[in-house]
Amino acid sequence: MTHADVDTSTWILEHGGTRLSDSDRAQGQRLLNEHVAMGRLTSEEFGDRAVQVQHARTRSELLAAFQDLPRPHPRLDEPVELRRTAIPEPRADVPHLRYAVTATVSSCAVAGALGVLLLALQEPAVLFAAAGVLLTVYFALVILGHRTER
């Protein structure tokens, strides 16, 4: 049996109504906020109803959250624009941050090198281990620097 075979009013009653859009849910959330501001809902009731509105799939499921509340109720025949906040694009070049990181890493490298040299005076094997670590870090920085230039 297809939708064409079933009377429309019967189908709506059986399936709980027409599907909601994101703007319908946004309107429901906004109106719930108004009811909380007017003192008609406690914060716990608001939380429960907000989840109900967020997960509503049909108009009847959305309107059930407003069943015992006075107007305003969602007007599902009017489109409501969603307000979306723009997420700023990450900036590719932040020189002051680059300088701060370079200064921090450089000073740590100098302190580490001095520490290794002092240890190397007592244990020469430490010098070879430090050279290996230094080469590894150098090549990692070269590879990362090369990738960020693309």
Protein backbone atom coordinates (compact mmCIF):
# COMPACT_ATOMS: atom_id res chain seq x y z
CA MET A 1 0.00 0.00 0.00
CA THR A 2 1.41 3.40 -0.97
CA HIS A 3 0.65 6.91 0.24
CA ALA A 4 -1.54 7.37 -2.82
CA ASP A 5 -3.72 4.45 -1.66
CA VAL A 6 -4.32 5.93 1.81
CA ASP A 7 -6.53 8.90 2.62
CA THR A 8 -4.28 11.82 3.66
CA SER A 9 -6.10 12.58 6.92
CA THR A 10 -5.89 8.90 7.94
CA TRP A 11 -2.18 8.83 7.18
CA ILE A 12 -1.55 11.98 9.27
CA LEU A 13 -3.49 10.56 12.23
CA GLU A 14 -1.67 7.22 12.03
CA HIS A 15 1.80 8.74 11.64
CA GLY A 16 1.56 11.71 14.03
CA GLY A 17 1.56 14.47 11.48
CA THR A 18 3.85 16.23 9.11
CA ARG A 19 7.62 16.08 9.51
CA LEU A 20 9.32 19.09 11.15
CA SER A 21 12.03 21.28 9.74
CA ASP A 22 15.00 22.61 11.69
CA SER A 23 13.36 26.04 11.71
CA ASP A 24 10.23 24.54 13.35
CA ARG A 25 12.38 23.09 16.15
CA ALA A 26 14.24 26.40 16.52
CA GLN A 27 10.93 28.23 16.86
CA GLY A 28 9.83 25.73 19.52
CA GLN A 29 13.06 26.26 21.49
CA ARG A 30 12.67 30.05 21.28
CA LEU A 31 9.09 29.88 22.55
CA LEU A 32 10.07 27.58 25.42
CA ASN A 33 12.64 30.19 26.43
CA GLU A 34 9.85 32.79 26.49
CA HIS A 35 7.72 30.59 28.75
CA VAL A 36 10.63 30.14 31.15
CA ALA A 37 11.23 33.90 31.18
CA MET A 38 7.56 34.41 32.07
CA GLY A 39 7.88 31.95 34.97
CA ARG A 40 5.58 29.31 33.53
CA LEU A 41 8.19 26.53 33.55
CA THR A 42 10.78 25.49 36.09
CA SER A 43 14.31 24.87 34.89
CA GLU A 44 13.75 21.11 35.19
CA GLU A 45 10.53 21.27 33.16
CA PHE A 46 12.27 23.47 30.61
CA GLY A 47 15.12 20.96 30.28
CA ASP A 48 12.71 18.07 29.71
CA ARG A 49 10.64 19.99 27.18
CA ALA A 50 13.70 21.36 25.38
CA VAL A 51 14.92 17.80 24.83
CA GLN A 52 11.43 16.82 23.68
CA VAL A 53 11.38 19.69 21.17
CA GLN A 54 14.91 18.96 19.99
CA HIS A 55 14.07 15.31 19.28
CA ALA A 56 10.58 15.93 17.87
CA ARG A 57 10.12 14.57 14.37
CA THR A 58 6.53 15.56 13.71
CA ARG A 59 4.39 18.60 14.39
CA SER A 60 2.25 16.73 16.90
CA GLU A 61 5.36 15.72 18.88
CA LEU A 62 6.48 19.36 18.96
CA LEU A 63 3.08 20.71 19.96
CA ALA A 64 2.84 18.16 22.79
CA ALA A 65 5.55 20.14 24.61
CA PHE A 66 3.18 23.16 24.65
CA GLN A 67 0.01 21.24 25.50
CA ASP A 68 -0.54 22.77 28.98
CA LEU A 69 0.98 26.18 28.23
CA PRO A 70 -0.92 29.30 27.14
CA ARG A 71 0.04 31.07 23.94
CA PRO A 72 2.49 31.64 22.33
CA HIS A 73 2.63 28.25 20.67
CA PRO A 74 4.69 27.39 17.61
CA ARG A 75 3.11 28.53 14.35
CA LEU A 76 4.21 25.78 12.08
CA ASP A 77 2.72 27.28 8.96
CA GLU A 78 5.18 30.23 9.04
CA PRO A 79 8.82 29.79 8.11
CA VAL A 80 11.29 30.91 10.76
CA GLU A 81 14.85 31.78 9.89
CA LEU A 82 17.55 29.99 11.81
CA ARG A 83 20.17 32.19 13.35
CA ARG A 84 23.55 30.69 12.76
CA THR A 85 26.65 32.19 14.20
CA ALA A 86 29.55 32.46 11.84
CA ILE A 87 32.62 30.52 12.86
CA PRO A 88 35.68 32.57 12.04
CA GLU A 89 38.20 31.01 9.70
CA PRO A 90 41.47 30.15 11.40
CA ARG A 91 44.20 32.57 10.48
CA ALA A 92 47.05 30.94 8.65
CA ASP A 93 49.72 33.34 9.86
CA VAL A 94 49.84 34.59 13.45
CA PRO A 95 53.31 36.11 13.78
CA HIS A 96 53.17 37.01 17.47
CA LEU A 97 52.25 33.44 18.35
CA ARG A 98 55.00 32.09 16.14
CA TYR A 99 57.55 34.36 17.88
CA ALA A 100 56.36 33.33 21.33
CA VAL A 101 56.65 29.63 20.48
CA THR A 102 60.07 30.15 18.92
CA ALA A 103 61.33 32.04 21.99
CA THR A 104 60.02 29.37 24.37
CA VAL A 105 61.40 26.45 22.38
CA SER A 106 64.75 28.18 21.86
CA SER A 107 65.25 28.94 25.54
CA CYS A 108 64.31 25.37 26.48
CA ALA A 109 66.74 24.07 23.86
CA VAL A 110 69.59 26.18 25.21
CA ALA A 111 68.89 25.12 28.80
CA GLY A 112 68.67 21.49 27.72
CA ALA A 113 71.91 21.71 25.75
CA LEU A 114 73.74 23.17 28.72
CA GLY A 115 72.38 20.41 30.95
CA VAL A 116 73.45 17.73 28.49
CA LEU A 117 76.93 19.23 28.18
CA LEU A 118 77.33 19.15 31.95
CA LEU A 119 76.20 15.51 32.01
CA ALA A 120 78.47 14.69 29.07
CA LEU A 121 81.49 15.78 31.10
CA GLN A 122 80.71 12.96 33.53
CA GLU A 123 79.26 10.40 31.09
CA PRO A 124 80.29 10.68 27.38
CA ALA A 125 77.51 8.30 26.21
CA VAL A 126 74.94 10.97 27.09
CA LEU A 127 76.44 13.18 24.39
CA PHE A 128 75.61 10.64 21.67
CA ALA A 129 72.06 10.18 22.96
CA ALA A 130 71.57 13.95 23.04
CA ALA A 131 72.87 14.27 19.49
CA GLY A 132 70.31 11.66 18.35
CA VAL A 133 67.47 13.49 20.07
CA LEU A 134 68.63 16.81 18.65
CA LEU A 135 68.75 15.44 15.10
CA THR A 136 65.28 13.89 15.50
CA VAL A 137 63.80 17.18 16.72
CA TYR A 138 65.56 19.10 13.94
CA PHE A 139 64.18 16.84 11.20
CA ALA A 140 60.70 16.94 12.74
CA LEU A 141 60.78 20.75 12.70
CA VAL A 142 62.02 20.78 9.12
CA ILE A 143 59.21 18.44 8.02
CA LEU A 144 56.53 20.41 9.93
CA GLY A 145 57.91 23.69 8.61
CA HIS A 146 57.80 22.34 5.09
CA ARG A 147 54.16 21.24 5.50
CA THR A 148 53.00 24.63 6.80
CA GLU A 149 54.56 26.42 3.81
CA ARG A 150 52.17 24.68 1.40
